[in-house]
Amino acid sequence: MVTESRIASIATAVPKYLLRQEDVLPAAASHFQGNNARFERLMPVYRNAQIDTRYSCVPLDWYGLDHGFAERNELYLSNAVDLLATAACQAVEAAELTLQDIDGLVVVSSTGIATPSLDALVMERLDLRRDIMRLPIFGLGCVGGVLGLARTAALARAEPGRRILFLVVELCGLTFRANDFTKSNIVATALFGDGAAAAVVTSESDGPRVTGWGEHTWRDTLGIMGWGVRDDGLAVIFSRDIPALVRTKMREAAEAFLTGLGLRFVDIGSFVCHPGGAKVLDALEEIFGLTGGALTHSRDILRRYGNMSAATVMFVLKATLDSGDPVPHLLSSLGPGFTAGFLVLDGT
């Protein structure tokens, strides 16, 4: 009999600074208008993003100043560990466990550099057991929430009885570079937020059962999404073609994944999609055969928190589980590679 992996709990955390889109727009206009002749034409992106609020580990006025890579990374390290520790403690408590019960850590993040890795830093902060497994994962970008949870489920399945703590944190705001006046950097100021999430995954739980996971990486798509490394930080790379790629490529990949599990789209009770942006959600609803606006949790999380990269889908999953939405749940996300990640949860 195959050992099952189940999600015992999920918790989320955000930093203290609340950014309202109505405040971000005039700040962005003041910063960009004199340096990008096309900014007037780009201003509707702040409204069309369908985001009201986001959270940041730095105040709004920080973004208008110059900051080097070293300063950004110091902020990343301190804030990432704080958020992960908060989410971890909440998830462990919700699972009715203690920190000493944790047997392994899987930590996903792509918005900063950490060596020793974030798992080691969290281990030290929370005084976790000295013999736990550690798996840091870097570079998955937005797809890291789904694929990180999948890797955690695989570990829990391979190690029956072990309690694996999955952690994900992204501090996207710290990647904003004040002297980058490109369209991608401007769009990022309308879209990205900071956040973290944690989940306890183990075979010893009556929580939702992870029944399968998979991924698909398309050929010749390495330039679609990612980071470019600059002297003053990480430069965001994302193509305007992403919604079109979703419409033309995503359904086939998702269908192949589901077929391998003996499922069809009509069998899915809830679609738990990473809200990469409003246009991406429109495309996902279209290819999954849903009515416009049907991805209510994804849209609500986008509206309240923005795109927190890999962490965002965990916020959507928590909202889905808290609402008692029908199973099975299909989790999906897209990230650098260009890669789609999938995972199915059942309640039985």
Protein backbone atom coordinates (compact mmCIF):
# COMPACT_ATOMS: atom_id res chain seq x y z
CA MET A 1 0.00 0.00 0.00
CA VAL A 2 1.35 3.44 -0.99
CA THR A 3 1.86 5.80 1.94
CA GLU A 4 -0.22 8.95 1.66
CA SER A 5 1.01 12.48 2.26
CA ARG A 6 -1.48 14.94 3.68
CA ILE A 7 -1.55 18.61 4.54
CA ALA A 8 -2.02 18.95 8.29
CA SER A 9 -2.10 22.77 8.34
CA ILE A 10 -1.39 25.95 6.39
CA ALA A 11 -0.44 29.40 7.71
CA THR A 12 0.43 32.69 6.01
CA ALA A 13 2.31 35.83 7.02
CA VAL A 14 2.85 39.29 5.57
CA PRO A 15 5.18 42.17 6.57
CA LYS A 16 3.96 45.28 8.39
CA TYR A 17 3.82 47.93 5.65
CA LEU A 18 0.48 48.12 3.83
CA LEU A 19 0.70 49.63 0.34
CA ARG A 20 -2.50 50.93 -1.20
CA GLN A 21 -2.62 51.06 -4.97
CA GLU A 22 -4.15 54.54 -4.71
CA ASP A 23 -0.93 55.66 -2.99
CA VAL A 24 1.45 53.68 -5.19
CA LEU A 25 0.20 55.26 -8.41
CA PRO A 26 1.06 58.90 -7.58
CA ALA A 27 4.41 57.80 -6.13
CA ALA A 28 5.19 55.87 -9.31
CA ALA A 29 4.05 58.76 -11.49
CA SER A 30 6.33 61.16 -9.62
CA HIS A 31 9.27 58.78 -10.04
CA PHE A 32 8.77 57.60 -13.62
CA GLN A 33 7.14 60.45 -15.56
CA GLY A 34 10.32 62.43 -16.10
CA ASN A 35 12.32 59.39 -17.14
CA ASN A 36 10.01 57.34 -19.36
CA ALA A 37 8.14 59.13 -22.13
CA ARG A 38 5.71 56.22 -22.37
CA PHE A 39 4.70 56.28 -18.71
CA GLU A 40 1.41 58.08 -19.37
CA ARG A 41 0.36 55.21 -21.61
CA LEU A 42 1.41 52.67 -18.97
CA MET A 43 -0.51 54.29 -16.09
CA PRO A 44 -3.70 52.21 -16.69
CA VAL A 45 -1.74 49.12 -15.62
CA TYR A 46 -2.17 50.18 -11.98
CA ARG A 47 -5.95 50.10 -12.34
CA ASN A 48 -6.10 47.12 -14.67
CA ALA A 49 -4.00 45.03 -12.28
CA GLN A 50 -7.15 44.67 -10.12
CA ILE A 51 -5.08 45.08 -6.95
CA ASP A 52 -6.22 47.26 -4.06
CA THR A 53 -3.56 46.55 -1.45
CA ARG A 54 -0.23 44.80 -1.01
CA TYR A 55 2.25 44.33 1.82
CA SER A 56 5.89 45.33 1.85
CA CYS A 57 8.83 44.80 4.18
CA VAL A 58 9.93 48.39 3.48
CA PRO A 59 7.89 51.64 3.46
CA LEU A 60 6.72 53.26 0.24
CA ASP A 61 9.34 56.02 0.29
CA TRP A 62 12.13 53.37 0.24
CA TYR A 63 11.35 52.60 -3.39
CA GLY A 64 12.27 56.03 -4.70
CA LEU A 65 15.87 55.83 -3.47
CA ASP A 66 18.97 54.05 -4.78
CA HIS A 67 19.92 50.79 -3.06
CA GLY A 68 22.78 48.40 -3.78
CA PHE A 69 22.56 44.63 -4.00
CA ALA A 70 24.21 44.17 -0.59
CA GLU A 71 21.68 46.40 1.18
CA ARG A 72 18.75 44.70 -0.56
CA ASN A 73 20.01 41.26 0.39
CA GLU A 74 20.49 42.21 4.03
CA LEU A 75 16.85 43.34 4.09
CA TYR A 76 15.87 40.11 2.35
CA LEU A 77 17.63 37.92 4.91
CA SER A 78 16.27 39.64 8.00
CA ASN A 79 12.69 39.99 6.76
CA ALA A 80 12.51 36.55 5.13
CA VAL A 81 13.56 34.80 8.33
CA ASP A 82 11.12 36.87 10.41
CA LEU A 83 8.19 36.01 8.13
CA LEU A 84 9.13 32.35 7.82
CA ALA A 85 9.48 31.98 11.57
CA THR A 86 6.03 33.54 12.10
CA ALA A 87 4.34 31.34 9.49
CA ALA A 88 6.17 28.22 10.69
CA CYS A 89 5.10 28.65 14.31
CA GLN A 90 1.49 29.23 13.29
CA ALA A 91 1.42 26.18 11.01
CA VAL A 92 3.00 23.91 13.62
CA GLU A 93 0.56 25.09 16.29
CA ALA A 94 -2.40 24.61 13.92
CA ALA A 95 -1.22 21.04 13.29
CA GLU A 96 -1.23 20.48 17.07
CA LEU A 97 2.49 19.78 17.07
CA THR A 98 5.56 21.35 18.64
CA LEU A 99 8.61 22.66 16.83
CA GLN A 100 10.57 19.68 18.16
CA ASP A 101 8.18 17.37 16.28
CA ILE A 102 9.39 18.68 12.91
CA ASP A 103 11.58 16.20 11.03
CA GLY A 104 12.37 18.17 7.88
CA LEU A 105 12.33 21.58 6.21
CA VAL A 106 11.71 22.43 2.56
CA VAL A 107 12.21 26.14 1.90
CA VAL A 108 11.41 27.88 -1.41
CA SER A 109 12.47 31.42 -2.32
CA SER A 110 13.85 33.20 -5.39
CA THR A 111 14.02 36.89 -4.40
CA GLY A 112 17.35 36.92 -2.56
CA ILE A 113 20.55 35.01 -1.86
CA ALA A 114 21.14 33.09 1.38
CA THR A 115 24.21 31.01 2.25
CA PRO A 116 23.79 29.51 4.84
CA SER A 117 20.39 28.90 3.26
CA LEU A 118 17.09 30.10 4.70
CA ASP A 119 16.29 26.67 6.14
CA ALA A 120 19.46 26.80 8.24
CA LEU A 121 18.66 30.34 9.38
CA VAL A 122 15.09 29.36 10.35
CA MET A 123 16.39 26.24 12.07
CA GLU A 124 18.65 28.42 14.20
CA ARG A 125 15.97 31.06 14.88
CA LEU A 126 13.40 28.49 16.06
CA ASP A 127 15.94 26.16 17.70
CA LEU A 128 14.71 23.18 15.72
CA ARG A 129 16.16 19.72 16.21
CA ARG A 130 19.74 19.36 15.02
CA ASP A 131 19.00 16.21 12.98
CA ILE A 132 16.22 17.45 10.70
CA MET A 133 16.39 17.11 6.90
CA ARG A 134 16.91 20.38 5.01
CA LEU A 135 16.09 21.13 1.39
CA PRO A 136 16.51 24.71 0.11
CA ILE A 137 15.03 25.40 -3.36
CA PHE A 138 15.99 28.49 -5.38
CA GLY A 139 15.03 29.68 -8.85
CA LEU A 140 11.51 28.32 -9.35
CA GLY A 141 9.93 31.78 -9.19
CA CYS A 142 6.13 31.82 -9.20
CA VAL A 143 5.84 28.07 -9.77
CA GLY A 144 7.75 27.41 -6.54
CA GLY A 145 4.61 27.28 -4.39
CA VAL A 146 3.17 24.32 -6.29
CA LEU A 147 6.42 22.49 -7.01
CA GLY A 148 7.79 23.13 -3.52
CA LEU A 149 4.66 21.63 -2.01
CA ALA A 150 5.04 18.70 -4.41
CA ARG A 151 8.64 18.08 -3.31
CA THR A 152 7.51 18.23 0.32
CA ALA A 153 4.72 15.72 -0.36
CA ALA A 154 7.23 13.41 -2.05
CA LEU A 155 9.49 13.53 1.03
CA ALA A 156 6.56 12.86 3.36
CA ARG A 157 5.46 9.92 1.20
CA ALA A 158 8.99 8.49 1.12
CA GLU A 159 9.43 8.92 4.88
CA PRO A 160 6.21 7.64 6.50
CA GLY A 161 5.49 9.28 9.83
CA ARG A 162 7.89 12.16 9.26
CA ARG A 163 6.52 15.70 9.68
CA ILE A 164 7.89 17.94 6.95
CA LEU A 165 7.51 21.70 7.20
CA PHE A 166 7.14 23.43 3.84
CA LEU A 167 8.08 27.12 3.88
CA VAL A 168 7.95 29.69 1.10
CA VAL A 169 8.80 33.38 1.18
CA GLU A 170 9.12 35.99 -1.56
CA LEU A 171 10.05 39.64 -1.02
CA CYS A 172 9.37 40.85 -4.55
CA GLY A 173 9.33 44.53 -3.59
CA LEU A 174 13.04 44.46 -2.74
CA THR A 175 13.85 43.76 -6.38
CA PHE A 176 12.52 47.16 -7.54
CA ARG A 177 15.41 49.19 -8.97
CA ALA A 178 14.87 52.94 -8.91
CA ASN A 179 16.99 53.64 -11.98
CA ASP A 180 15.36 51.02 -14.19
CA PHE A 181 12.75 52.80 -16.31
CA THR A 182 11.82 49.82 -18.47
CA LYS A 183 8.24 48.67 -18.95
CA SER A 184 8.87 45.44 -17.00
CA ASN A 185 10.07 47.32 -13.94
CA ILE A 186 7.14 49.74 -14.13
CA VAL A 187 4.62 46.88 -14.42
CA ALA A 188 6.29 45.21 -11.42
CA THR A 189 5.51 48.26 -9.26
CA ALA A 190 1.81 47.73 -10.02
CA LEU A 191 1.81 44.01 -9.36
CA PHE A 192 4.23 42.58 -6.82
CA GLY A 193 3.93 42.21 -3.05
CA ASP A 194 5.72 40.44 -0.20
CA GLY A 195 4.51 37.41 1.76
CA ALA A 196 5.26 33.99 3.22
CA ALA A 197 3.44 30.74 3.89
CA ALA A 198 3.99 27.48 5.73
CA ALA A 199 2.42 24.02 5.64
CA VAL A 200 2.94 20.89 7.68
CA VAL A 201 2.88 17.80 5.45
CA THR A 202 2.85 14.28 6.89
CA SER A 203 1.28 10.87 6.48
CA GLU A 204 -0.03 11.17 10.05
CA SER A 205 -2.94 13.54 9.46
CA ASP A 206 -6.56 13.49 8.39
CA GLY A 207 -6.06 16.66 6.30
CA PRO A 208 -6.37 16.93 2.51
CA ARG A 209 -4.58 14.12 0.70
CA VAL A 210 -1.99 14.88 -1.97
CA THR A 211 -2.89 12.45 -4.73
CA GLY A 212 -0.45 13.54 -7.43
CA TRP A 213 1.81 16.21 -8.82
CA GLY A 214 3.57 17.01 -12.07
CA GLU A 215 5.11 19.67 -14.26
CA HIS A 216 5.78 20.59 -17.85
CA THR A 217 8.61 22.75 -19.20
CA TRP A 218 8.20 24.03 -22.77
CA ARG A 219 11.06 24.14 -25.25
CA ASP A 220 12.71 27.42 -26.23
CA THR A 221 11.00 29.46 -23.50
CA LEU A 222 13.91 30.29 -21.18
CA GLY A 223 13.51 34.02 -21.79
CA ILE A 224 9.82 34.20 -20.87
CA MET A 225 10.28 34.81 -17.13
CA GLY A 226 13.11 35.15 -14.62
CA TRP A 227 15.71 37.48 -13.14
CA GLY A 228 18.56 39.36 -14.75
CA VAL A 229 21.43 40.05 -12.34
CA ARG A 230 22.51 43.71 -12.25
CA ASP A 231 24.99 45.57 -10.06
CA ASP A 232 22.15 47.11 -8.05
CA GLY A 233 19.93 44.03 -7.77
CA LEU A 234 17.75 41.54 -9.62
CA ALA A 235 16.01 42.82 -12.75
CA VAL A 236 12.60 41.32 -13.42
CA ILE A 237 12.07 39.54 -16.73
CA PHE A 238 8.61 38.65 -17.92
CA SER A 239 7.16 38.52 -21.39
CA ARG A 240 3.98 40.20 -22.53
CA ASP A 241 3.21 36.90 -24.28
CA ILE A 242 2.48 34.99 -21.05
CA PRO A 243 -1.36 35.24 -21.29
CA ALA A 244 -1.19 34.07 -24.92
CA LEU A 245 1.07 31.17 -23.96
CA VAL A 246 -1.42 30.18 -21.26
CA ARG A 247 -4.25 30.16 -23.79
CA THR A 248 -2.34 28.11 -26.36
CA LYS A 249 -0.18 25.77 -24.24
CA MET A 250 -1.52 25.39 -20.69
CA ARG A 251 -4.63 23.28 -21.30
CA GLU A 252 -2.73 20.55 -23.13
CA ALA A 253 -0.16 20.29 -20.32
CA ALA A 254 -2.84 20.24 -17.59
CA GLU A 255 -4.90 17.71 -19.51
CA ALA A 256 -1.92 15.37 -19.87
CA PHE A 257 -1.21 15.65 -16.16
CA LEU A 258 -4.80 14.91 -15.17
CA THR A 259 -5.05 11.99 -17.61
CA GLY A 260 -2.10 10.38 -15.84
CA LEU A 261 -4.16 10.45 -12.64
CA GLY A 262 -7.30 9.16 -14.34
CA LEU A 263 -8.99 12.56 -14.07
CA ARG A 264 -10.61 15.06 -16.45
CA PHE A 265 -11.33 18.76 -16.08
CA VAL A 266 -14.97 17.98 -15.29
CA ASP A 267 -13.83 15.94 -12.29
CA ILE A 268 -12.12 18.91 -10.64
CA GLY A 269 -14.12 20.49 -7.83
CA SER A 270 -11.97 23.59 -7.34
CA PHE A 271 -9.23 25.26 -9.35
CA VAL A 272 -6.53 26.73 -7.10
CA CYS A 273 -4.55 28.95 -9.47
CA HIS A 274 -1.61 31.22 -8.81
CA PRO A 275 -2.83 34.74 -9.66
CA GLY A 276 0.10 35.93 -11.73
CA GLY A 277 -2.05 38.80 -12.94
CA ALA A 278 -5.60 39.63 -13.96
CA LYS A 279 -4.99 38.77 -17.63
CA VAL A 280 -3.45 35.44 -16.69
CA LEU A 281 -6.51 34.60 -14.58
CA ASP A 282 -8.76 35.51 -17.53
CA ALA A 283 -6.75 33.10 -19.70
CA LEU A 284 -6.88 30.31 -17.10
CA GLU A 285 -10.65 30.62 -16.75
CA GLU A 286 -10.93 30.37 -20.51
CA ILE A 287 -8.77 27.26 -20.96
CA PHE A 288 -10.25 25.46 -17.95
CA GLY A 289 -13.78 26.09 -19.29
CA LEU A 290 -14.80 28.29 -16.36
CA THR A 291 -17.10 31.30 -16.44
CA GLY A 292 -15.46 34.73 -16.28
CA GLY A 293 -14.55 35.64 -12.69
CA ALA A 294 -14.99 32.04 -11.47
CA LEU A 295 -11.53 31.93 -9.86
CA THR A 296 -12.87 33.91 -6.91
CA HIS A 297 -10.20 33.01 -4.35
CA SER A 298 -7.37 33.70 -6.79
CA ARG A 299 -8.87 37.08 -7.68
CA ASP A 300 -9.51 37.98 -4.05
CA ILE A 301 -5.94 37.13 -3.01
CA LEU A 302 -4.60 39.15 -5.96
CA ARG A 303 -6.80 42.10 -4.98
CA ARG A 304 -5.73 42.04 -1.31
CA TYR A 305 -2.08 40.95 -1.54
CA GLY A 306 -0.87 41.36 -5.13
CA ASN A 307 1.41 38.82 -6.76
CA MET A 308 3.73 37.44 -4.07
CA SER A 309 5.37 35.05 -6.53
CA ALA A 310 5.69 31.50 -5.14
CA ALA A 311 3.91 32.29 -1.86
CA THR A 312 0.68 33.43 -3.50
CA VAL A 313 -0.80 30.05 -4.41
CA MET A 314 -0.52 28.98 -0.76
CA PHE A 315 -2.68 31.96 0.23
CA VAL A 316 -5.21 30.84 -2.41
CA LEU A 317 -5.07 27.26 -1.15
CA LYS A 318 -5.67 28.32 2.44
CA ALA A 319 -8.69 30.39 1.38
CA THR A 320 -10.01 27.42 -0.63
CA LEU A 321 -9.66 24.99 2.27
CA ASP A 322 -11.09 27.46 4.80
CA SER A 323 -14.14 27.89 2.55
CA GLY A 324 -14.76 24.15 2.30
CA ASP A 325 -14.79 24.24 -1.50
CA PRO A 326 -15.47 20.91 -3.27
CA VAL A 327 -12.67 18.43 -3.99
CA PRO A 328 -10.56 17.45 -5.76
CA HIS A 329 -8.54 20.66 -5.89
CA LEU A 330 -6.21 21.29 -8.83
CA LEU A 331 -3.30 23.59 -7.94
CA SER A 332 -1.50 25.24 -10.85
CA SER A 333 1.15 27.85 -11.38
CA LEU A 334 3.67 29.04 -13.96
CA GLY A 335 7.29 30.01 -13.53
CA PRO A 336 10.72 30.35 -15.11
CA GLY A 337 11.71 27.59 -17.44
CA PHE A 338 8.96 28.30 -18.80
CA THR A 339 7.29 25.74 -16.54
CA ALA A 340 3.80 24.79 -15.42
CA GLY A 341 3.38 23.05 -12.07
CA PHE A 342 0.36 20.97 -11.02
CA LEU A 343 -0.79 19.24 -7.85
CA VAL A 344 -4.06 17.54 -6.92
CA LEU A 345 -5.53 17.45 -3.42
CA ASP A 346 -8.43 15.26 -2.36
CA GLY A 347 -10.35 15.36 0.89
CA THR A 348 -10.81 11.61 1.32
